[in-house]
Structures are given as C-alpha cells and as structure tokens.
C-alpha cells in the first residue's frame, strides 16, 4: 500500500473509531510504517473525528517532517513499538473508556489484566505488558516499551491502551477487542463468570 492509500486508510479508521466513541476530543494517536521506512501518524492535537489526509504527518525515523502537520508528541513510544517488533506496521493508542478504567486499577501485572473468558481476547490481544504511569508525552514511555520486548499490547497505567499489528486493520481490531473485553470485565463484576482454562487458552494461542 502506497503513501496515499495508507493515508486514506488511516483517516478512515480514525473517523470510525471516533464515530463509535472509542476516542473523544483530541485523545489517541495512530502510526503506520510505510514500505520505504518512513512513517505516517496522526498530528499533534488532532481529532480523529475531523482529520483529513492532507494533515496526516509523514516523517522519517529521525524526526524529519516530509509532509503534513507535526506528528503526535507520543511518536517516541510509537517508534519504540516499531523497533521492538520488526514485523509490525501499525500502532494504535486509545484512551477508550473501559480499557482506561482497567488501566487505572491497582496491582496489575504483566500477562493478562484479568483471566480471559472469551476466545477472541486470547486470539486478538493475548498477553499484555503493563507500563508504569508516566505523564503523557514522556520519553520514559519509550524506554518502558523497550524493556518489555515480549509484548505487543500494553496497558499504560492511569492512561490508556496501546495495540500493534502487521496491518493497521489488525491493530485497530485488537484495540476494539480489548475495549469490548474490558467492558465485559467491568459489567461482569460480581457475576459467576466461567473463565477459560489454561488448556483452552493454549489451544487458541
């Protein structure tokens, strides 16, 4: 997919996430690595709901801006995700309601923030790395990601969610699945939920 096509897809997914309430205001950001090694990203301070293709940031890994507006201030952790997993081509960061609520709970540990009870969480999200709270835009977030190369999905404590994918669609679908699973987790508090067994999860993985 070339730059023009990828910009169109990025804007389309951003608009879809906004329209369905996964983001509000100017929260959240997306990045995509192009075949030539340069990157596209949502611009700093932009809204997924009114983003247009001309505004999408196009830049080199060293930060040189090639087109569009200046990229999100969270670019360092996006680049850290891309560097940690050479096979990925997209990173999605959301402050979606239930994922952020889950990220704000105490005593989270790497692995799974709750024992999964749907197969789709295991298939599309799987293991989750927990990142300590940092102020938004902190360069330390990138260091935290580099310290957890075994994960491709992250919960940022008191902040939000990061998913990655070999395609932008894969990363977006993982973020949507995480949010829906976190919603089910919240709604199921106090219910006698049947959780997946270790054997059932291993079969799905």
N, C-alpha and C. Protein backbone atom coordinates (compact mmCIF):
# COMPACT_ATOMS: atom_id res chain seq x y z
N UNK A 1 0.85 -1.19 0.00
CA UNK A 1 0.00 0.00 0.00
C UNK A 1 0.88 1.24 0.00
N UNK A 2 0.63 2.17 -0.93
CA UNK A 2 1.47 3.36 -1.02
C UNK A 2 1.02 4.43 -0.01
N UNK A 3 1.76 5.55 0.00
CA UNK A 3 1.51 6.61 0.97
C UNK A 3 0.09 7.16 0.87
N UNK A 4 -0.38 7.42 -0.32
CA UNK A 4 -1.72 8.00 -0.50
C UNK A 4 -2.80 7.04 0.00
N UNK A 5 -2.67 5.78 -0.37
CA UNK A 5 -3.64 4.77 0.06
C UNK A 5 -3.62 4.59 1.58
N UNK A 6 -2.41 4.63 2.14
CA UNK A 6 -2.29 4.42 3.58
C UNK A 6 -2.85 5.62 4.34
N UNK A 7 -2.66 6.82 3.85
CA UNK A 7 -3.26 8.00 4.48
C UNK A 7 -4.79 7.87 4.48
N UNK A 8 -5.31 7.43 3.36
CA UNK A 8 -6.76 7.27 3.25
C UNK A 8 -7.27 6.25 4.26
N UNK A 9 -6.55 5.14 4.40
CA UNK A 9 -6.97 4.11 5.36
C UNK A 9 -6.85 4.60 6.78
N UNK A 10 -5.77 5.31 7.09
CA UNK A 10 -5.58 5.85 8.45
C UNK A 10 -6.73 6.79 8.82
N UNK A 11 -7.07 7.70 7.92
CA UNK A 11 -8.15 8.65 8.19
C UNK A 11 -9.48 7.93 8.35
N UNK A 12 -9.71 6.90 7.53
CA UNK A 12 -10.95 6.14 7.60
C UNK A 12 -11.09 5.43 8.94
N UNK A 13 -10.04 4.76 9.39
CA UNK A 13 -10.11 4.07 10.68
C UNK A 13 -10.23 5.07 11.84
N UNK A 14 -9.51 6.18 11.75
CA UNK A 14 -9.59 7.19 12.80
C UNK A 14 -11.02 7.71 12.93
N UNK A 15 -11.64 8.01 11.80
CA UNK A 15 -13.02 8.51 11.80
C UNK A 15 -13.98 7.46 12.38
N UNK A 16 -13.78 6.21 12.01
CA UNK A 16 -14.63 5.13 12.51
C UNK A 16 -14.51 5.00 14.03
N UNK A 17 -13.29 5.05 14.55
CA UNK A 17 -13.08 4.96 16.00
C UNK A 17 -13.75 6.13 16.72
N UNK A 18 -13.65 7.31 16.14
CA UNK A 18 -14.26 8.50 16.75
C UNK A 18 -15.79 8.39 16.74
N UNK A 19 -16.34 8.02 15.61
CA UNK A 19 -17.79 7.97 15.48
C UNK A 19 -18.41 6.95 16.43
N UNK A 20 -17.66 5.91 16.77
CA UNK A 20 -18.19 4.86 17.64
C UNK A 20 -17.77 5.03 19.10
N UNK A 21 -17.17 6.18 19.42
CA UNK A 21 -16.92 6.51 20.82
C UNK A 21 -15.67 5.91 21.44
N UNK A 22 -14.75 5.40 20.61
CA UNK A 22 -13.51 4.86 21.17
C UNK A 22 -12.54 5.96 21.56
N UNK A 23 -12.72 7.16 21.01
CA UNK A 23 -11.91 8.32 21.36
C UNK A 23 -12.81 9.54 21.48
N UNK A 24 -12.35 10.52 22.24
CA UNK A 24 -13.07 11.79 22.36
C UNK A 24 -12.07 12.92 22.21
N UNK A 25 -12.55 14.08 21.79
CA UNK A 25 -11.69 15.25 21.67
C UNK A 25 -10.47 14.96 20.81
N UNK A 26 -9.30 15.34 21.33
CA UNK A 26 -8.05 15.12 20.59
C UNK A 26 -7.26 13.96 21.17
N UNK A 27 -7.91 13.09 21.93
CA UNK A 27 -7.22 11.96 22.55
C UNK A 27 -6.88 10.88 21.52
N UNK A 28 -5.82 10.12 21.79
CA UNK A 28 -5.45 8.98 20.97
C UNK A 28 -4.56 9.34 19.80
N UNK A 29 -3.82 8.36 19.31
CA UNK A 29 -2.96 8.56 18.15
C UNK A 29 -2.68 7.24 17.45
N UNK A 30 -2.31 7.34 16.18
CA UNK A 30 -2.05 6.19 15.33
C UNK A 30 -0.77 6.45 14.55
N UNK A 31 0.03 5.39 14.34
CA UNK A 31 1.17 5.50 13.43
C UNK A 31 1.22 4.28 12.53
N UNK A 32 1.80 4.47 11.35
CA UNK A 32 1.96 3.40 10.37
C UNK A 32 3.35 3.52 9.74
N UNK A 33 4.02 2.39 9.60
CA UNK A 33 5.32 2.36 8.91
C UNK A 33 5.09 2.02 7.45
N UNK A 34 5.61 2.87 6.55
CA UNK A 34 5.46 2.66 5.12
C UNK A 34 6.56 1.73 4.59
N UNK A 35 6.38 1.15 3.40
CA UNK A 35 7.39 0.25 2.84
C UNK A 35 8.78 0.87 2.68
N UNK A 36 8.85 2.19 2.51
CA UNK A 36 10.16 2.83 2.34
C UNK A 36 10.85 3.17 3.67
N UNK A 37 10.24 2.77 4.79
CA UNK A 37 10.85 3.01 6.09
C UNK A 37 10.48 4.32 6.74
N UNK A 38 9.68 5.15 6.07
CA UNK A 38 9.19 6.38 6.68
C UNK A 38 7.86 6.08 7.37
N UNK A 39 7.33 7.07 8.06
CA UNK A 39 6.15 6.84 8.90
C UNK A 39 5.05 7.86 8.62
N UNK A 40 3.82 7.42 8.86
CA UNK A 40 2.66 8.30 8.92
C UNK A 40 2.14 8.29 10.35
N UNK A 41 1.58 9.41 10.80
CA UNK A 41 0.99 9.46 12.14
C UNK A 41 -0.07 10.54 12.20
N UNK A 42 -0.97 10.38 13.15
CA UNK A 42 -1.93 11.45 13.40
C UNK A 42 -1.17 12.66 13.96
N UNK A 43 -1.55 13.87 13.57
CA UNK A 43 -0.84 15.06 14.02
C UNK A 43 -1.08 15.38 15.49
N UNK A 44 -0.18 16.14 16.07
CA UNK A 44 -0.33 16.55 17.46
C UNK A 44 -1.57 17.41 17.63
N UNK A 45 -2.34 17.13 18.67
CA UNK A 45 -3.54 17.91 18.97
C UNK A 45 -4.69 17.70 18.02
N UNK A 46 -4.62 16.69 17.16
CA UNK A 46 -5.68 16.50 16.17
C UNK A 46 -6.80 15.63 16.74
N UNK A 47 -7.96 15.72 16.11
CA UNK A 47 -9.11 14.90 16.49
C UNK A 47 -9.33 13.84 15.42
N UNK A 48 -9.52 12.61 15.85
CA UNK A 48 -9.82 11.53 14.92
C UNK A 48 -11.09 11.84 14.11
N UNK A 49 -11.98 12.65 14.68
CA UNK A 49 -13.27 12.89 14.05
C UNK A 49 -13.24 13.84 12.88
N UNK A 50 -12.22 14.72 12.81
CA UNK A 50 -12.18 15.72 11.74
C UNK A 50 -10.85 15.71 11.00
N UNK A 51 -10.10 14.64 11.12
CA UNK A 51 -8.80 14.53 10.48
C UNK A 51 -8.98 14.40 8.97
N UNK A 52 -8.10 15.05 8.20
CA UNK A 52 -8.11 14.85 6.75
C UNK A 52 -6.73 14.41 6.28
N UNK A 53 -6.68 13.86 5.08
CA UNK A 53 -5.45 13.24 4.58
C UNK A 53 -4.30 14.22 4.46
N UNK A 54 -4.57 15.46 4.12
CA UNK A 54 -3.51 16.45 3.96
C UNK A 54 -2.81 16.77 5.28
N UNK A 55 -3.51 16.59 6.40
CA UNK A 55 -2.94 16.89 7.70
C UNK A 55 -2.08 15.76 8.27
N UNK A 56 -2.27 14.54 7.77
CA UNK A 56 -1.54 13.39 8.32
C UNK A 56 -0.04 13.62 8.23
N UNK A 57 0.66 13.39 9.32
CA UNK A 57 2.10 13.61 9.38
C UNK A 57 2.84 12.52 8.61
N UNK A 58 3.82 12.93 7.83
CA UNK A 58 4.70 12.00 7.13
C UNK A 58 6.12 12.39 7.52
N UNK A 59 6.85 11.47 8.12
CA UNK A 59 8.16 11.84 8.67
C UNK A 59 9.13 10.67 8.62
N UNK A 60 10.41 11.01 8.75
CA UNK A 60 11.45 9.99 8.83
C UNK A 60 11.64 9.58 10.28
N UNK A 61 12.33 8.47 10.47
CA UNK A 61 12.57 7.97 11.82
C UNK A 61 13.35 8.98 12.67
N UNK A 62 14.20 9.80 12.03
CA UNK A 62 14.98 10.80 12.77
C UNK A 62 14.18 12.05 13.10
N UNK A 63 12.90 12.08 12.70
CA UNK A 63 12.03 13.20 13.01
C UNK A 63 11.85 14.20 11.89
N UNK A 64 12.59 14.07 10.80
CA UNK A 64 12.45 14.99 9.68
C UNK A 64 11.03 14.92 9.11
N UNK A 65 10.35 16.07 9.09
CA UNK A 65 8.98 16.12 8.59
C UNK A 65 8.99 16.19 7.07
N UNK A 66 8.28 15.27 6.42
CA UNK A 66 8.23 15.20 4.96
C UNK A 66 6.94 15.76 4.40
N UNK A 67 5.91 15.87 5.24
CA UNK A 67 4.63 16.38 4.78
C UNK A 67 3.61 16.38 5.88
N UNK A 68 2.55 17.16 5.70
CA UNK A 68 1.51 17.23 6.71
C UNK A 68 1.92 18.06 7.92
N UNK A 69 1.16 17.92 8.99
CA UNK A 69 1.44 18.66 10.23
C UNK A 69 2.42 17.90 11.10
N UNK A 70 2.91 18.55 12.15
CA UNK A 70 3.82 17.90 13.08
C UNK A 70 3.12 16.70 13.73
N UNK A 71 3.82 15.59 13.90
CA UNK A 71 3.17 14.39 14.44
C UNK A 71 2.89 14.48 15.93
N UNK A 72 2.08 13.56 16.41
CA UNK A 72 1.76 13.46 17.82
C UNK A 72 3.01 13.48 18.69
N UNK A 73 2.88 14.05 19.88
CA UNK A 73 4.02 14.09 20.80
C UNK A 73 4.39 12.71 21.33
N UNK A 74 3.52 11.73 21.07
CA UNK A 74 3.78 10.37 21.53
C UNK A 74 4.59 9.55 20.52
N UNK A 75 5.13 10.20 19.49
CA UNK A 75 5.92 9.50 18.48
C UNK A 75 7.03 8.62 19.08
N UNK A 76 7.75 9.07 20.12
CA UNK A 76 8.82 8.20 20.65
C UNK A 76 8.36 6.81 21.04
N UNK A 77 7.20 6.70 21.70
CA UNK A 77 6.79 5.35 22.08
C UNK A 77 6.26 4.56 20.88
N UNK A 78 5.72 5.26 19.89
CA UNK A 78 5.32 4.57 18.66
C UNK A 78 6.55 3.97 17.99
N UNK A 79 7.61 4.75 17.87
CA UNK A 79 8.83 4.26 17.25
C UNK A 79 9.44 3.12 18.05
N UNK A 80 9.31 3.18 19.39
CA UNK A 80 9.81 2.10 20.23
C UNK A 80 9.05 0.81 19.95
N UNK A 81 7.74 0.91 19.73
CA UNK A 81 6.95 -0.28 19.38
C UNK A 81 7.40 -0.85 18.05
N UNK A 82 7.58 0.01 17.05
CA UNK A 82 8.02 -0.45 15.74
C UNK A 82 9.40 -1.10 15.83
N UNK A 83 10.30 -0.52 16.63
CA UNK A 83 11.66 -1.06 16.76
C UNK A 83 11.67 -2.40 17.49
N UNK A 84 10.77 -2.55 18.45
CA UNK A 84 10.74 -3.78 19.25
C UNK A 84 10.18 -4.96 18.47
N UNK A 85 9.39 -4.67 17.44
CA UNK A 85 8.75 -5.75 16.67
C UNK A 85 8.86 -5.42 15.19
N UNK A 86 9.87 -5.97 14.55
CA UNK A 86 10.15 -5.62 13.15
C UNK A 86 9.01 -5.97 12.20
N UNK A 87 8.14 -6.91 12.63
CA UNK A 87 7.07 -7.36 11.74
C UNK A 87 5.85 -6.44 11.76
N UNK A 88 5.73 -5.56 12.76
CA UNK A 88 4.53 -4.73 12.83
C UNK A 88 4.63 -3.54 11.89
N UNK A 89 3.49 -3.07 11.48
CA UNK A 89 3.42 -1.90 10.60
C UNK A 89 2.50 -0.82 11.15
N UNK A 90 1.83 -1.09 12.28
CA UNK A 90 0.89 -0.09 12.80
C UNK A 90 0.82 -0.14 14.32
N UNK A 91 0.63 1.04 14.90
CA UNK A 91 0.46 1.19 16.35
C UNK A 91 -0.76 2.06 16.60
N UNK A 92 -1.63 1.62 17.50
CA UNK A 92 -2.83 2.37 17.86
C UNK A 92 -2.82 2.63 19.36
N UNK A 93 -3.00 3.88 19.75
CA UNK A 93 -3.07 4.25 21.16
C UNK A 93 -4.41 4.94 21.41
N UNK A 94 -5.20 4.38 22.35
CA UNK A 94 -6.52 4.92 22.68
C UNK A 94 -6.65 5.17 24.17
N UNK A 95 -7.54 6.10 24.51
CA UNK A 95 -7.96 6.31 25.89
C UNK A 95 -9.40 5.83 26.03
N UNK A 96 -9.72 4.72 25.41
CA UNK A 96 -11.09 4.22 25.41
C UNK A 96 -11.54 3.94 26.85
N UNK A 97 -12.82 4.09 27.09
CA UNK A 97 -13.37 4.16 28.45
C UNK A 97 -13.01 2.97 29.33
N UNK A 98 -13.37 1.78 28.92
CA UNK A 98 -13.20 0.62 29.80
C UNK A 98 -11.75 0.16 29.89
N UNK A 99 -11.00 0.29 28.79
CA UNK A 99 -9.59 -0.05 28.84
C UNK A 99 -8.84 0.90 29.78
N UNK A 100 -9.20 2.17 29.75
CA UNK A 100 -8.55 3.14 30.64
C UNK A 100 -8.96 2.91 32.09
N UNK A 101 -10.21 2.54 32.31
CA UNK A 101 -10.64 2.19 33.66
C UNK A 101 -9.84 1.00 34.17
N UNK A 102 -9.72 -0.02 33.34
CA UNK A 102 -8.93 -1.20 33.72
C UNK A 102 -7.48 -0.81 33.99
N UNK A 103 -6.92 0.06 33.15
CA UNK A 103 -5.54 0.50 33.32
C UNK A 103 -5.32 1.28 34.61
N UNK A 104 -6.39 1.77 35.20
CA UNK A 104 -6.30 2.57 36.42
C UNK A 104 -6.51 1.76 37.69
N UNK A 105 -6.70 0.46 37.54
CA UNK A 105 -6.85 -0.39 38.72
C UNK A 105 -5.48 -0.74 39.29
N UNK A 106 -5.47 -1.09 40.58
CA UNK A 106 -4.21 -1.39 41.26
C UNK A 106 -3.76 -2.82 41.01
N UNK A 107 -2.47 -3.04 41.26
CA UNK A 107 -1.87 -4.38 41.27
C UNK A 107 -1.94 -5.11 39.94
N UNK A 108 -1.89 -4.37 38.84
CA UNK A 108 -1.83 -5.01 37.53
C UNK A 108 -0.44 -5.60 37.31
N UNK A 109 -0.40 -6.75 36.67
CA UNK A 109 0.88 -7.42 36.39
C UNK A 109 0.93 -7.84 34.93
N UNK A 110 2.14 -7.93 34.40
CA UNK A 110 2.31 -8.40 33.03
C UNK A 110 1.64 -9.75 32.84
N UNK A 111 1.06 -9.92 31.68
CA UNK A 111 0.39 -11.18 31.34
C UNK A 111 -1.00 -10.90 30.85
N UNK A 112 -1.97 -11.01 31.75
CA UNK A 112 -3.34 -10.66 31.41
C UNK A 112 -3.93 -9.87 32.57
N UNK A 113 -4.58 -8.74 32.29
CA UNK A 113 -5.14 -7.92 33.37
C UNK A 113 -6.33 -8.59 34.06
N UNK A 114 -6.88 -9.62 33.44
CA UNK A 114 -7.94 -10.43 34.04
C UNK A 114 -7.88 -11.80 33.37
N UNK A 115 -8.43 -12.81 34.02
CA UNK A 115 -8.45 -14.13 33.40
C UNK A 115 -9.45 -14.12 32.25
N UNK A 116 -9.01 -14.35 31.02
CA UNK A 116 -9.91 -14.23 29.87
C UNK A 116 -11.10 -15.17 29.95
N UNK A 117 -12.23 -14.70 29.42
CA UNK A 117 -13.42 -15.55 29.36
C UNK A 117 -14.04 -15.56 27.97
N UNK A 118 -13.39 -14.94 26.99
CA UNK A 118 -13.83 -15.07 25.60
C UNK A 118 -12.62 -15.48 24.76
N UNK A 119 -12.83 -16.31 23.75
CA UNK A 119 -11.71 -16.74 22.92
C UNK A 119 -11.10 -15.59 22.12
N UNK A 120 -11.90 -14.57 21.80
CA UNK A 120 -11.42 -13.50 20.93
C UNK A 120 -10.39 -12.61 21.60
N UNK A 121 -10.49 -12.46 22.93
CA UNK A 121 -9.45 -11.71 23.64
C UNK A 121 -8.12 -12.43 23.51
N UNK A 122 -8.13 -13.73 23.65
CA UNK A 122 -6.90 -14.52 23.55
C UNK A 122 -6.35 -14.48 22.12
N UNK A 123 -7.21 -14.58 21.13
CA UNK A 123 -6.77 -14.64 19.74
C UNK A 123 -6.29 -13.29 19.21
N UNK A 124 -6.95 -12.21 19.59
CA UNK A 124 -6.64 -10.91 19.02
C UNK A 124 -5.75 -10.03 19.91
N UNK A 125 -5.73 -10.32 21.23
CA UNK A 125 -4.97 -9.49 22.15
C UNK A 125 -3.86 -10.30 22.82
N UNK A 126 -4.23 -11.38 23.44
CA UNK A 126 -3.31 -12.28 24.13
C UNK A 126 -2.62 -11.58 25.30
N UNK A 127 -1.30 -11.74 25.46
CA UNK A 127 -0.60 -11.25 26.64
C UNK A 127 -0.41 -9.73 26.58
N UNK A 128 -0.48 -9.11 27.76
CA UNK A 128 -0.45 -7.65 27.86
C UNK A 128 0.68 -7.22 28.79
N UNK A 129 1.49 -6.28 28.32
CA UNK A 129 2.53 -5.70 29.16
C UNK A 129 1.98 -4.49 29.90
N UNK A 130 2.28 -4.38 31.18
CA UNK A 130 1.81 -3.25 31.98
C UNK A 130 2.92 -2.20 32.08
N UNK A 131 2.62 -1.00 31.63
CA UNK A 131 3.58 0.10 31.68
C UNK A 131 3.26 1.00 32.86
N UNK A 132 4.26 1.44 33.63
CA UNK A 132 4.00 2.31 34.78
C UNK A 132 3.47 3.66 34.34
N UNK A 133 2.81 4.35 35.25
CA UNK A 133 2.29 5.67 34.91
C UNK A 133 3.43 6.64 34.56
N UNK A 134 3.27 7.33 33.47
CA UNK A 134 4.15 8.43 33.07
C UNK A 134 3.26 9.57 32.58
N UNK A 135 3.73 10.77 32.68
CA UNK A 135 2.96 11.89 32.13
C UNK A 135 2.87 11.71 30.61
N UNK A 136 1.75 12.08 29.98
CA UNK A 136 1.63 11.97 28.53
C UNK A 136 2.77 12.70 27.82
N UNK A 137 3.35 12.04 26.85
CA UNK A 137 4.47 12.62 26.11
C UNK A 137 5.83 12.35 26.70
N UNK A 138 5.89 11.69 27.85
CA UNK A 138 7.17 11.43 28.50
C UNK A 138 8.02 10.49 27.64
N UNK A 139 9.31 10.81 27.44
CA UNK A 139 10.20 9.90 26.70
C UNK A 139 10.43 8.58 27.44
N UNK A 140 10.10 8.54 28.73
CA UNK A 140 10.29 7.32 29.50
C UNK A 140 9.34 6.21 29.06
N UNK A 141 8.22 6.57 28.43
CA UNK A 141 7.29 5.54 27.94
C UNK A 141 7.98 4.66 26.92
N UNK A 142 8.77 5.28 26.04
CA UNK A 142 9.51 4.51 25.03
C UNK A 142 10.49 3.56 25.70
N UNK A 143 11.15 4.02 26.77
CA UNK A 143 12.08 3.15 27.49
C UNK A 143 11.34 1.98 28.13
N UNK A 144 10.15 2.25 28.67
CA UNK A 144 9.36 1.18 29.28
C UNK A 144 9.00 0.11 28.25
N UNK A 145 8.64 0.54 27.05
CA UNK A 145 8.29 -0.40 25.99
C UNK A 145 9.51 -1.22 25.58
N UNK A 146 10.64 -0.55 25.45
CA UNK A 146 11.87 -1.28 25.08
C UNK A 146 12.26 -2.32 26.13
N UNK A 147 11.83 -2.10 27.37
CA UNK A 147 12.17 -3.04 28.44
C UNK A 147 11.25 -4.26 28.45
N UNK A 148 10.21 -4.25 27.60
CA UNK A 148 9.25 -5.36 27.56
C UNK A 148 9.08 -5.85 26.12
N UNK A 149 10.14 -6.37 25.51
CA UNK A 149 10.06 -6.79 24.11
C UNK A 149 9.17 -8.00 23.88
N UNK A 150 8.78 -8.69 24.94
CA UNK A 150 7.95 -9.87 24.79
C UNK A 150 6.47 -9.59 24.61
N UNK A 151 6.10 -8.31 24.61
CA UNK A 151 4.69 -7.94 24.50
C UNK A 151 4.46 -7.07 23.28
N UNK A 152 3.28 -7.19 22.68
CA UNK A 152 2.91 -6.33 21.56
C UNK A 152 1.63 -5.55 21.85
N UNK A 153 1.06 -5.76 23.05
CA UNK A 153 -0.08 -4.99 23.54
C UNK A 153 0.29 -4.49 24.93
N UNK A 154 -0.09 -3.25 25.24
CA UNK A 154 0.30 -2.65 26.52
C UNK A 154 -0.86 -1.89 27.14
N UNK A 155 -0.94 -1.95 28.45
CA UNK A 155 -1.80 -1.06 29.22
C UNK A 155 -0.90 -0.05 29.90
N UNK A 156 -1.19 1.23 29.71
CA UNK A 156 -0.43 2.31 30.34
C UNK A 156 -1.20 2.72 31.59
N UNK A 157 -0.62 2.53 32.74
CA UNK A 157 -1.37 2.76 33.97
C UNK A 157 -1.90 4.19 34.04
N UNK A 158 -3.20 4.29 34.39
CA UNK A 158 -3.90 5.58 34.51
C UNK A 158 -3.89 6.38 33.21
N UNK A 159 -3.73 5.71 32.07
CA UNK A 159 -3.58 6.45 30.82
C UNK A 159 -4.39 5.83 29.68
N UNK A 160 -4.09 4.59 29.31
CA UNK A 160 -4.81 4.02 28.19
C UNK A 160 -4.19 2.75 27.66
N UNK A 161 -4.41 2.52 26.37
CA UNK A 161 -4.11 1.25 25.73
C UNK A 161 -3.23 1.47 24.51
N UNK A 162 -2.31 0.52 24.26
CA UNK A 162 -1.52 0.50 23.02
C UNK A 162 -1.66 -0.88 22.41
N UNK A 163 -2.04 -0.94 21.13
CA UNK A 163 -2.04 -2.20 20.39
C UNK A 163 -1.19 -2.03 19.14
N UNK A 164 -0.67 -3.14 18.64
CA UNK A 164 0.15 -3.12 17.43
C UNK A 164 -0.36 -4.19 16.47
N UNK A 165 0.05 -4.09 15.21
CA UNK A 165 -0.39 -5.08 14.24
C UNK A 165 0.45 -5.07 12.99
N UNK A 166 0.38 -6.17 12.25
CA UNK A 166 1.09 -6.26 10.97
C UNK A 166 0.43 -5.38 9.93
N UNK A 167 -0.83 -5.02 10.19
CA UNK A 167 -1.55 -4.06 9.36
C UNK A 167 -2.28 -3.10 10.30
N UNK A 168 -2.71 -1.97 9.77
CA UNK A 168 -3.47 -1.04 10.59
C UNK A 168 -4.79 -1.67 11.01
N UNK A 169 -5.41 -2.41 10.12
CA UNK A 169 -6.66 -3.08 10.47
C UNK A 169 -6.47 -4.02 11.65
N UNK A 170 -5.40 -4.78 11.64
CA UNK A 170 -5.13 -5.72 12.74
C UNK A 170 -4.96 -4.99 14.07
N UNK A 171 -4.24 -3.87 14.06
CA UNK A 171 -4.03 -3.10 15.28
C UNK A 171 -5.33 -2.48 15.78
N UNK A 172 -6.15 -1.97 14.86
CA UNK A 172 -7.44 -1.39 15.25
C UNK A 172 -8.36 -2.46 15.80
N UNK A 173 -8.44 -3.60 15.14
CA UNK A 173 -9.31 -4.67 15.62
C UNK A 173 -8.88 -5.16 17.00
N UNK A 174 -7.57 -5.21 17.25
CA UNK A 174 -7.09 -5.61 18.58
C UNK A 174 -7.52 -4.60 19.64
N UNK A 175 -7.44 -3.30 19.30
CA UNK A 175 -7.87 -2.26 20.24
C UNK A 175 -9.36 -2.36 20.52
N UNK A 176 -10.16 -2.62 19.48
CA UNK A 176 -11.60 -2.75 19.66
C UNK A 176 -11.93 -3.97 20.52
N UNK A 177 -11.23 -5.08 20.27
CA UNK A 177 -11.47 -6.29 21.05
C UNK A 177 -11.08 -6.08 22.50
N UNK A 178 -9.97 -5.37 22.73
CA UNK A 178 -9.56 -5.10 24.10
C UNK A 178 -10.61 -4.26 24.82
N UNK A 179 -11.09 -3.22 24.17
CA UNK A 179 -12.08 -2.35 24.79
C UNK A 179 -13.36 -3.12 25.11
N UNK A 180 -13.82 -3.93 24.19
CA UNK A 180 -15.04 -4.70 24.42
C UNK A 180 -14.84 -5.71 25.55
N UNK A 181 -13.66 -6.33 25.60
CA UNK A 181 -13.37 -7.30 26.67
C UNK A 181 -13.29 -6.60 28.02
N UNK A 182 -12.70 -5.40 28.05
CA UNK A 182 -12.63 -4.64 29.30
C UNK A 182 -14.04 -4.24 29.76
N UNK A 183 -14.90 -3.94 28.80
CA UNK A 183 -16.29 -3.62 29.14
C UNK A 183 -16.99 -4.83 29.75
N UNK A 184 -16.80 -5.99 29.14
CA UNK A 184 -17.38 -7.21 29.68
C UNK A 184 -16.83 -7.52 31.07
N UNK A 185 -15.54 -7.30 31.24
CA UNK A 185 -14.90 -7.50 32.57
C UNK A 185 -15.59 -6.62 33.61
N UNK A 186 -15.82 -5.36 33.26
CA UNK A 186 -16.44 -4.43 34.21
C UNK A 186 -17.89 -4.83 34.49
N UNK A 187 -18.65 -5.12 33.45
CA UNK A 187 -20.06 -5.47 33.62
C UNK A 187 -20.23 -6.80 34.36
N UNK A 188 -19.20 -7.65 34.27
CA UNK A 188 -19.30 -8.95 34.90
C UNK A 188 -18.85 -9.00 36.35
N UNK A 189 -18.48 -7.84 36.93
CA UNK A 189 -18.06 -7.83 38.32
C UNK A 189 -19.19 -8.37 39.20
N UNK A 190 -18.86 -9.33 40.03
CA UNK A 190 -19.86 -9.90 40.94
C UNK A 190 -20.64 -11.05 40.36
N UNK A 191 -20.47 -11.32 39.05
CA UNK A 191 -21.16 -12.45 38.43
C UNK A 191 -20.26 -13.69 38.47
N UNK A 192 -20.88 -14.83 38.44
CA UNK A 192 -20.14 -16.09 38.47
C UNK A 192 -19.74 -16.46 37.04
N UNK A 193 -18.72 -15.77 36.54
CA UNK A 193 -18.28 -15.92 35.15
C UNK A 193 -17.44 -17.18 34.99
N UNK A 194 -17.72 -17.94 33.95
CA UNK A 194 -16.85 -19.06 33.62
C UNK A 194 -15.65 -18.53 32.85
N UNK A 195 -14.45 -18.74 33.38
CA UNK A 195 -13.22 -18.30 32.73
C UNK A 195 -12.65 -19.42 31.87
N UNK A 196 -11.87 -19.05 30.87
CA UNK A 196 -11.21 -20.05 30.05
C UNK A 196 -10.12 -20.73 30.85
N UNK A 197 -9.96 -22.02 30.64
CA UNK A 197 -8.91 -22.77 31.32
C UNK A 197 -7.57 -22.55 30.61
N UNK A 198 -6.48 -22.91 31.27
CA UNK A 198 -5.16 -22.81 30.66
C UNK A 198 -5.10 -23.63 29.38
N UNK A 199 -5.70 -24.80 29.39
CA UNK A 199 -5.70 -25.67 28.22
C UNK A 199 -6.48 -25.03 27.06
N UNK A 200 -7.60 -24.42 27.37
CA UNK A 200 -8.41 -23.78 26.33
C UNK A 200 -7.67 -22.58 25.74
N UNK A 201 -6.98 -21.81 26.59
CA UNK A 201 -6.22 -20.67 26.08
C UNK A 201 -5.04 -21.12 25.25
N UNK A 202 -4.37 -22.19 25.66
CA UNK A 202 -3.23 -22.72 24.91
C UNK A 202 -3.67 -23.17 23.52
N UNK A 203 -4.84 -23.77 23.43
CA UNK A 203 -5.36 -24.22 22.15
C UNK A 203 -5.61 -23.03 21.22
N UNK A 204 -6.10 -21.92 21.76
CA UNK A 204 -6.37 -20.74 20.96
C UNK A 204 -5.09 -20.06 20.50
N UNK A 205 -4.06 -20.08 21.34
CA UNK A 205 -2.80 -19.43 21.01
C UNK A 205 -2.05 -20.20 19.93
